[in-house]
Structure formats: C-alpha cells, structure tokens
Protein backbone atom coordinates (compact mmCIF):
# COMPACT_ATOMS: atom_id res chain seq x y z
CA MET A 1 52.10 -9.46 62.17
CA LYS A 2 53.73 -11.75 64.67
CA LYS A 3 52.53 -11.35 68.24
CA ILE A 4 54.69 -12.43 71.14
CA ILE A 5 55.55 -11.48 74.68
CA ILE A 6 58.84 -9.82 73.83
CA THR A 7 61.79 -10.23 76.14
CA PHE A 8 65.10 -8.45 76.26
CA LEU A 9 67.00 -11.34 74.70
CA VAL A 10 64.62 -11.47 71.75
CA LEU A 11 64.72 -7.74 71.16
CA THR A 12 68.50 -7.74 71.09
CA PHE A 13 68.27 -9.75 67.87
CA CYS A 14 65.21 -8.34 66.12
CA CYS A 15 65.32 -4.58 66.71
CA SER A 16 65.05 -3.76 63.01
CA SER A 17 61.76 -5.64 62.56
CA PHE A 18 60.40 -4.39 65.87
CA ALA A 19 60.52 -0.70 64.86
CA GLN A 20 58.37 -1.19 61.76
CA ASN A 21 55.77 1.56 62.24
CA PRO A 22 56.05 5.35 62.10
CA ALA A 23 56.34 7.39 65.27
CA SER A 24 54.32 10.61 65.43
CA PRO A 25 56.44 13.59 64.37
CA VAL A 26 57.20 16.60 66.54
CA LYS A 27 57.94 19.82 64.61
CA ASP A 28 59.55 21.96 67.33
CA SER A 29 63.23 22.05 66.33
CA SER A 30 64.25 23.84 69.54
CA LEU A 31 63.65 20.79 71.71
CA SER A 32 66.56 18.91 73.22
CA MET A 33 66.90 15.19 72.45
CA SER A 34 65.35 14.15 75.77
CA GLU A 35 62.43 16.59 75.31
CA LYS A 36 61.86 15.50 71.73
CA THR A 37 61.92 11.85 72.78
CA PHE A 38 59.32 12.53 75.45
CA GLU A 39 57.06 14.39 73.02
CA VAL A 40 57.27 11.71 70.33
CA PHE A 41 56.60 8.99 72.91
CA TRP A 42 53.51 10.74 74.26
CA GLN A 43 52.16 11.74 70.84
CA THR A 44 52.58 8.29 69.29
CA PHE A 45 50.53 6.78 72.10
CA GLU A 46 48.00 9.59 71.77
CA ASP A 47 47.62 8.85 68.06
CA ASN A 48 47.61 5.05 68.11
CA TYR A 49 46.82 3.40 71.46
CA ALA A 50 43.46 1.60 71.39
CA PHE A 51 42.47 1.25 75.05
CA PHE A 52 42.73 4.52 76.98
CA LYS A 53 39.08 4.31 78.05
CA LEU A 54 39.05 0.58 78.72
CA ARG A 55 42.15 0.83 80.92
CA ASN A 56 40.93 4.06 82.59
CA ILE A 57 43.92 6.15 81.47
CA ASP A 58 43.77 9.96 81.24
CA TRP A 59 46.71 10.37 78.87
CA LYS A 60 46.51 14.18 78.70
CA SER A 61 46.75 14.38 82.48
CA THR A 62 49.75 12.07 82.29
CA TYR A 63 51.42 14.56 79.96
CA LYS A 64 50.83 17.43 82.39
CA LYS A 65 52.15 15.38 85.30
CA TYR A 66 55.44 14.34 83.71
CA ARG A 67 56.34 16.89 81.03
CA SER A 68 57.84 19.39 83.47
CA ASN A 69 60.28 16.71 84.68
CA VAL A 70 62.02 16.57 81.30
CA ASP A 71 64.45 19.16 79.97
CA SER A 72 67.84 19.34 78.28
CA THR A 73 69.61 18.10 81.43
CA THR A 74 67.50 14.93 81.81
CA THR A 75 69.71 11.84 81.78
CA ASP A 76 68.88 8.66 79.91
CA ASP A 77 68.27 6.82 83.18
CA SER A 78 65.86 9.49 84.37
CA LEU A 79 64.04 9.63 81.05
CA PHE A 80 63.68 5.86 80.94
CA SER A 81 62.23 5.94 84.45
CA ILE A 82 59.78 8.72 83.55
CA LEU A 83 58.50 6.99 80.42
CA SER A 84 58.16 3.74 82.34
CA GLN A 85 56.16 5.43 85.10
CA MET A 86 53.85 6.96 82.50
CA VAL A 87 52.77 3.60 81.07
CA ALA A 88 53.02 1.36 84.15
CA PRO A 89 49.32 1.97 85.09
CA PHE A 90 48.20 0.57 81.72
CA TYR A 91 48.84 -3.02 82.88
CA ASP A 92 49.32 -3.94 79.22
CA ASP A 93 52.12 -6.44 78.59
CA HIS A 94 52.26 -5.40 74.94
CA ILE A 95 53.65 -2.03 76.02
CA ASN A 96 57.44 -2.24 76.03
CA ILE A 97 60.20 0.37 76.27
CA ILE A 98 63.61 -0.92 75.25
CA ILE A 99 67.10 0.49 75.24
CA PRO A 100 68.60 -2.03 72.79
CA GLY A 101 71.25 -4.18 74.38
CA LYS A 102 70.77 -2.62 77.81
CA LYS A 103 67.37 -2.85 79.44
CA GLN A 104 63.62 -3.11 78.99
CA PHE A 105 60.45 -2.10 80.77
CA THR A 106 57.13 -3.89 80.27
CA ALA A 107 53.87 -2.49 81.62
CA GLU A 108 53.04 -5.84 83.20
CA LYS A 109 49.62 -6.73 84.45
CA PRO A 110 49.77 -8.04 88.04
CA SER A 111 49.74 -11.84 87.95
CA PRO A 112 48.36 -13.93 90.84
CA PHE A 113 50.13 -16.92 89.28
CA LEU A 114 53.54 -15.21 89.30
CA GLN A 115 52.91 -13.87 92.79
CA GLU A 116 52.39 -17.46 93.90
CA PHE A 117 55.32 -18.79 91.86
CA PRO A 118 57.77 -15.87 91.43
CA GLU A 119 60.95 -17.88 90.85
CA LYS A 120 61.65 -20.08 87.87
CA SER A 121 62.56 -22.88 90.27
CA SER A 122 59.10 -22.78 91.85
CA ARG A 123 57.43 -22.86 88.44
CA ASP A 124 59.61 -25.80 87.41
CA SER A 125 58.53 -27.58 90.59
CA LEU A 126 54.89 -26.95 89.69
CA TRP A 127 55.40 -28.47 86.23
CA ASN A 128 56.91 -31.49 87.97
CA ALA A 129 53.69 -31.72 89.98
CA VAL A 130 51.73 -31.57 86.71
CA ASN A 131 53.76 -34.47 85.31
CA ALA A 132 53.36 -36.46 88.53
CA THR A 133 49.60 -35.97 88.34
CA LEU A 134 49.60 -37.35 84.81
CA TYR A 135 51.62 -40.43 85.76
CA ASN A 136 49.46 -41.09 88.83
CA HIS A 137 46.38 -41.18 86.59
CA GLY A 138 47.66 -43.70 84.09
CA PHE A 139 49.30 -41.46 81.53
CA GLU A 140 52.40 -42.70 79.76
CA THR A 141 55.85 -41.11 80.02
CA LEU A 142 55.75 -37.60 78.57
CA GLN A 143 57.09 -37.30 75.02
CA SER A 144 58.20 -34.14 73.19
CA VAL A 145 58.48 -33.07 69.58
CA GLY A 146 59.35 -29.96 67.55
CA PRO A 147 62.17 -27.41 67.53
CA GLU A 148 63.49 -26.12 70.82
CA TYR A 149 63.23 -22.56 72.10
CA ARG A 150 65.01 -21.73 75.36
CA GLY A 151 65.42 -25.40 76.07
CA LYS A 152 61.76 -26.33 75.53
CA LYS A 153 60.29 -28.34 72.66
CA LEU A 154 57.19 -27.10 70.88
CA PHE A 155 54.79 -29.86 71.98
CA TYR A 156 54.74 -32.27 74.92
CA TYR A 157 52.25 -35.11 74.90
CA SER A 158 51.08 -38.30 76.57
CA LYS A 159 48.01 -40.52 76.73
CA SER A 160 46.22 -42.87 79.08
CA ASN A 161 43.82 -45.65 78.18
CA GLU A 162 41.05 -43.10 77.72
CA HIS A 163 42.46 -39.60 77.39
CA GLY A 164 45.10 -37.70 75.47
CA TYR A 165 47.23 -34.84 76.78
CA ILE A 166 49.01 -32.19 74.66
CA ARG A 167 50.97 -29.25 76.01
CA ILE A 168 51.69 -26.31 73.68
CA GLU A 169 54.60 -24.22 74.95
CA ARG A 170 54.31 -21.31 72.52
CA CYS A 171 52.61 -20.20 69.30
CA PHE A 172 55.61 -20.10 66.97
CA VAL A 173 57.94 -22.79 65.71
CA PRO A 174 61.66 -22.10 65.29
CA ASP A 175 62.41 -18.87 67.16
CA ALA A 176 60.96 -15.44 67.91
CA THR A 177 62.62 -13.60 65.01
CA THR A 178 60.78 -15.14 62.04
CA ASP A 179 58.27 -13.05 60.09
CA ASP A 180 57.05 -15.88 57.81
CA THR A 181 53.98 -16.71 59.86
CA LYS A 182 52.33 -18.79 57.14
CA ALA A 183 55.29 -21.14 56.81
CA ASP A 184 55.62 -21.14 60.58
CA SER A 185 52.00 -22.21 61.09
CA ALA A 186 52.13 -24.78 58.30
CA LEU A 187 55.10 -26.47 59.94
CA ALA A 188 53.40 -26.30 63.33
CA GLY A 189 50.33 -27.98 61.85
CA LYS A 190 52.35 -30.85 60.40
CA ILE A 191 54.11 -31.46 63.69
CA PHE A 192 50.82 -31.22 65.58
CA ASP A 193 49.24 -33.75 63.20
CA SER A 194 51.92 -36.27 64.15
CA VAL A 195 50.92 -35.85 67.79
CA LEU A 196 47.18 -35.81 67.16
CA ALA A 197 47.40 -39.03 65.14
CA GLN A 198 48.39 -40.82 68.34
CA MET A 199 45.26 -39.52 70.09
CA ASN A 200 42.62 -40.80 67.64
CA SER A 201 41.46 -43.56 69.98
CA SER A 202 41.23 -41.23 72.98
CA LYS A 203 37.76 -40.39 74.26
CA ALA A 204 38.89 -36.81 74.96
CA ILE A 205 41.98 -34.61 74.87
CA ILE A 206 43.35 -32.21 77.46
CA LEU A 207 45.05 -29.31 75.68
CA TYR A 208 47.44 -27.55 78.05
CA ILE A 209 48.26 -23.93 77.13
CA ARG A 210 49.00 -22.60 80.61
CA SER A 211 51.91 -20.12 80.49
CA ASN A 212 51.94 -20.21 76.69
CA ILE A 213 54.11 -17.20 75.82
CA GLY A 214 52.34 -16.36 72.55
CA GLY A 215 53.58 -16.02 69.02
CA ASN A 216 51.39 -15.51 65.95
CA ASP A 217 47.69 -15.83 65.24
CA GLU A 218 48.26 -18.06 62.22
CA PHE A 219 49.71 -20.70 64.53
CA ALA A 220 46.62 -20.53 66.74
CA TYR A 221 44.40 -21.02 63.71
CA ALA A 222 46.49 -23.93 62.45
CA ILE A 223 45.86 -25.68 65.78
CA ALA A 224 42.16 -24.79 65.91
CA GLY A 225 41.71 -26.05 62.34
CA ARG A 226 42.36 -29.59 63.58
CA PHE A 227 39.19 -29.46 65.69
CA VAL A 228 36.52 -28.19 63.25
CA THR A 229 34.53 -29.85 60.47
CA LYS A 230 33.54 -26.69 58.61
CA LYS A 231 34.67 -23.11 58.11
CA THR A 232 33.64 -21.03 61.11
CA LEU A 233 34.30 -17.52 62.40
CA GLY A 234 37.16 -17.42 64.90
CA HIS A 235 37.53 -13.74 65.75
CA SER A 236 37.34 -10.24 64.32
CA LYS A 237 39.67 -7.31 64.84
CA GLN A 238 39.98 -3.67 63.94
CA THR A 239 42.88 -1.24 64.05
CA ARG A 240 42.78 2.32 65.35
CA ILE A 241 43.16 4.82 62.53
CA ARG A 242 46.22 6.91 63.41
CA GLY A 243 45.41 10.28 64.93
CA THR A 244 41.65 9.71 65.07
CA ASP A 245 39.12 8.09 67.37
CA LYS A 246 37.98 5.84 64.54
CA PHE A 247 38.86 2.23 63.75
CA THR A 248 39.15 0.32 60.52
CA ALA A 249 36.40 -1.99 59.33
CA LEU A 250 36.33 -5.40 61.01
CA ASP A 251 38.86 -7.89 59.71
CA ARG A 252 37.27 -11.33 60.15
CA TRP A 253 39.38 -14.45 60.69
CA TYR A 254 37.93 -17.89 59.99
CA ILE A 255 38.92 -21.29 61.27
CA THR A 256 39.06 -23.73 58.36
CA PRO A 257 39.40 -27.51 58.58
CA GLN A 258 43.06 -28.47 58.25
CA THR A 259 42.59 -32.23 58.07
CA SER A 260 40.13 -34.69 56.57
CA MET A 261 39.64 -36.28 60.00
CA PRO A 262 39.30 -33.48 62.57
CA TYR A 263 39.14 -34.35 66.26
CA ILE A 264 35.58 -33.56 67.38
CA LYS A 265 35.43 -35.46 70.68
CA PRO A 266 35.47 -33.51 73.99
CA LEU A 267 38.41 -31.16 74.42
CA ILE A 268 39.50 -29.53 77.68
CA VAL A 269 41.71 -26.45 77.38
CA LEU A 270 43.78 -25.52 80.45
CA THR A 271 44.73 -21.85 80.84
CA ASN A 272 46.15 -19.43 83.41
CA ASP A 273 46.92 -15.73 83.62
CA GLN A 274 50.23 -16.28 81.81
CA THR A 275 48.51 -17.65 78.71
CA ALA A 276 49.32 -14.61 76.60
CA SER A 277 48.95 -12.85 73.26
CA ALA A 278 48.45 -15.52 70.56
CA GLY A 279 47.82 -17.88 73.48
CA ASP A 280 44.96 -15.55 74.45
CA VAL A 281 43.68 -15.82 70.89
CA LEU A 282 43.96 -19.61 70.80
CA ALA A 283 41.95 -19.88 74.01
CA MET A 284 39.33 -17.43 72.71
CA ILE A 285 38.73 -19.14 69.37
CA MET A 286 38.68 -22.60 70.95
CA LYS A 287 36.25 -21.52 73.67
CA ALA A 288 33.49 -21.04 71.10
CA ARG A 289 33.71 -24.64 69.86
CA PRO A 290 30.81 -26.77 71.16
CA GLN A 291 33.03 -29.65 72.34
CA VAL A 292 35.44 -27.40 74.28
CA SER A 293 35.55 -26.47 77.98
CA LEU A 294 38.13 -24.12 79.53
CA ILE A 295 39.48 -24.91 83.00
CA GLY A 296 41.96 -22.95 85.13
CA GLU A 297 42.20 -19.15 85.19
CA ASN A 298 41.36 -16.43 82.68
CA THR A 299 44.13 -15.79 80.18
CA LEU A 300 46.28 -12.64 80.41
CA GLY A 301 44.16 -10.50 78.08
CA ILE A 302 46.55 -8.89 75.56
CA TYR A 303 45.30 -9.71 72.07
CA SER A 304 46.45 -6.85 69.84
CA ASP A 305 49.38 -7.09 67.48
CA MET A 306 52.13 -4.83 68.77
CA TYR A 307 52.63 -1.47 67.08
CA GLY A 308 56.41 -1.10 67.28
CA PHE A 309 58.18 2.21 66.64
CA GLU A 310 61.50 3.96 67.23
CA LEU A 311 62.01 7.07 69.33
CA PRO A 312 64.36 9.90 68.23
CA ASN A 313 67.06 8.62 70.60
CA LYS A 314 66.85 5.12 69.00
CA TRP A 315 64.96 3.50 71.87
CA LEU A 316 62.24 1.06 70.84
CA VAL A 317 58.62 1.09 72.00
CA SER A 318 55.56 -1.06 71.40
CA LEU A 319 51.88 -0.47 72.10
CA SER A 320 48.48 -2.07 71.46
CA ASN A 321 46.55 -0.45 68.62
CA GLN A 322 43.95 -3.11 67.80
CA LYS A 323 40.70 -4.38 69.28
CA TYR A 324 40.05 -8.12 69.10
CA PHE A 325 36.56 -9.56 69.35
CA SER A 326 35.37 -13.12 69.90
CA SER A 327 33.03 -14.78 67.39
CA LYS A 328 30.20 -13.31 69.49
CA MET A 329 31.76 -9.81 69.27
CA VAL A 330 32.99 -9.73 72.87
CA CYS A 331 36.26 -7.91 73.58
CA TYR A 332 38.23 -9.63 76.34
CA GLU A 333 41.12 -7.15 76.38
CA GLY A 334 42.41 -6.71 79.93
CA LYS A 335 40.08 -9.42 81.25
CA GLY A 336 41.38 -12.42 79.35
CA THR A 337 39.46 -15.28 77.81
CA PRO A 338 37.18 -16.51 80.62
CA VAL A 339 37.24 -20.09 81.85
CA ASP A 340 34.21 -22.31 82.37
CA ILE A 341 35.59 -23.76 85.60
CA GLN A 342 37.99 -21.68 87.70
CA VAL A 343 40.81 -23.47 89.50
CA ARG A 344 44.02 -21.88 90.79
CA ASN A 345 47.42 -23.25 91.60
CA THR A 346 49.06 -22.53 94.97
CA LYS A 347 52.41 -23.32 96.53
CA GLN A 348 50.71 -26.21 98.31
CA ASP A 349 50.52 -28.02 94.97
CA ILE A 350 54.32 -28.37 95.00
CA LEU A 351 54.24 -30.02 98.42
CA THR A 352 51.44 -32.44 97.50
CA MET A 353 52.81 -33.00 93.96
CA LYS A 354 49.24 -32.72 92.70
CA ASP A 355 47.93 -30.28 90.12
CA PRO A 356 44.31 -29.34 90.99
CA VAL A 357 43.73 -27.84 87.53
CA LEU A 358 44.65 -31.06 85.76
CA LEU A 359 42.78 -33.12 88.36
CA THR A 360 39.65 -31.04 87.76
CA ALA A 361 39.96 -31.69 84.03
CA ILE A 362 40.37 -35.45 84.51
CA ASN A 363 37.45 -35.64 86.94
CA TYR A 364 35.29 -33.57 84.61
CA LEU A 365 35.96 -35.94 81.71
CA GLU A 366 35.33 -39.02 83.85
CA LYS A 367 31.93 -37.64 84.87
CA LYS A 368 31.05 -36.88 81.25
C-alpha cells in the first residue's frame, strides 16, 4: 500500500482509493447520523489502531469524555471538531479526518523545524541557504531530473571534485494518486541510476532527504538497492488483527542489489523531523548500512501504511495499524529514525546563508 503524508488537495482526487478498508459496524439502528458516525469512528480505532500504549492514549476514557457531546442535533462542524479533538493527542500524522472537498484535520506531531520555519517563504529561504552552502564548497550548479510534483522535480543533484550530492524530494514518481508502486519504484530506480552514474568518481555522496514527504516503501527499497552488494534485511512489519490485541506474523522486507555496480563508498544521509512516512523508512533501512551516517534531526516517526476507511456520513479517516521494526527489531514509531550526529537549523541560517547540517556533513567527510 502506498504511504504518503496526505494533503487536502491529494484527497480531493483519490477519495475512492483512500477508503479501501472496512469501518467497524454499529448495530444500533436508533442512532442519529451524527451519533452513528461517532460510534463507528471510535470503534474502528478501537479495533485497528496499533499504538494506544506507545502514544499513552486511554481510548475508552476518550469515549466517555466526548460521547455525551454528540446527539441528533450535533452539526457537522461540531462533530468534526469533536472527532479532531479526540485524536489530536495522538501526535500521529497518519491520522486524518477529511470532509471531501471541504476540509481536513491531521493529528500532527509538534515539529521544532516547522516552529522555526512556519511559512513556506522561510523554508524556501532555508533551501536557498542550502544551495549557497553547496556552491561555496565547490559544488556545481544544481541540476534536476524526473517528473514534477507541485513544482518540484523528483531528484536534485550536484557534485564537487570529491563529493556528490543528491536530494530526494519524495518517495513516489508521477503523482500521489498512483497505486502501481512496483512500476513507480522501477521508474524511480532508472532515473536515480542516471544521477548516480555521474557520481561514480566521487569519494562520498551526501543524500539529502530532509522534508521528504513520503510515498511508498518500494521506492525506498529501489533507492537502497543501489547501495548494497548482497541481499540484506531492511525492515519487518506486522499488522494489528482487527478487533484483537494480536498482530500478524512478521512480514520481512529485504534490500536486494539493483545494479551490478552498487555505490559502496561513504554515504551521508541528511534528515529532519519532516522526513516522513516512506522517508522515515528510507532513513531507517539506510541507517543499518555500514557505510552510512545520518546527520541532522530524527525523522518524523510515522512508518505504518495508512488504514483508510469511510464513516457513515461519507467522511474519510485514516489511522496507523502496523508496527515497523528496523533490521535489529527496534520500533522507532513516534521517535523517528535516530541520527548519528544531531544538528538543527535555525532562522539564523537564513541570515548567514549557511546550512550547518550540510556543513557538518562536508566537514565529517573531509575528516574521514
């Protein structure tokens, strides 16, 4: 299943594929539409959500707190607000409540990065500082390749006399509505090969996945497969069995070599707390490689595929119903894939036009 940080614009166009799982039924025929919607919402989380304990949520107490606020007179606006308040404490960006074509709520985890750079203009200025840092350290003019999504190409890349630099904007190729993840990842791999071929002479590569918005796991594995010489365990996952406290057997995913000449020189992966979903997964499976070091901030920490379902009033909801584990059986849900060297961006970076995360990576490679 495709995994992506879903936005309102995306959901407007892929509602049918989003509601692909069953909601838990409620048998009481005397309930009003608003009451039935509330009950189905609560019960579907009760039956499928994977992280009540990890996220310190007492879901039964939540029911008692909010159920009395819903009756036959409850308006859509009030009901939307109530449901949103119920899941806000989860801090799980894979929890979404959507009124198609109107509005959306996401149970967002607080982000120090977005607190520092809340406006798009400030984030654009930071990326300008990143580019300036590259140029000031001998990197060539930034190139781009791949289909566009919201005005951004898939890959951006450059190189200096010694090092390569590749920025991956997302973990899907054409747009966010495709379900053919195998074809998607195969195309991504071919495009990535064209970039990687220009880095063969580099002593090391800096792989930038900060603020990667996610996509699908197959894409992450297509990228990782360019950096291994043999089949190796990437991650394992298990899905909560609906209506029980049990989970399915572990489903193991393996990284397999995708080229006859994999890149096995040092690789630095740059992350932040907006590296999300399949971006989380890419960081996690790369972290275990012996030639890889992670620099920046822990990733967001939302790994599960989204369990999407439809409420009786036709609103759409998603939740996390899977546990992901690293190759060493560590679950980083909520915490994010940890970095080896922590470096944060601040507003000061815009004024100095220097990116301390990238500078740390360059200095680290020069010392090695």
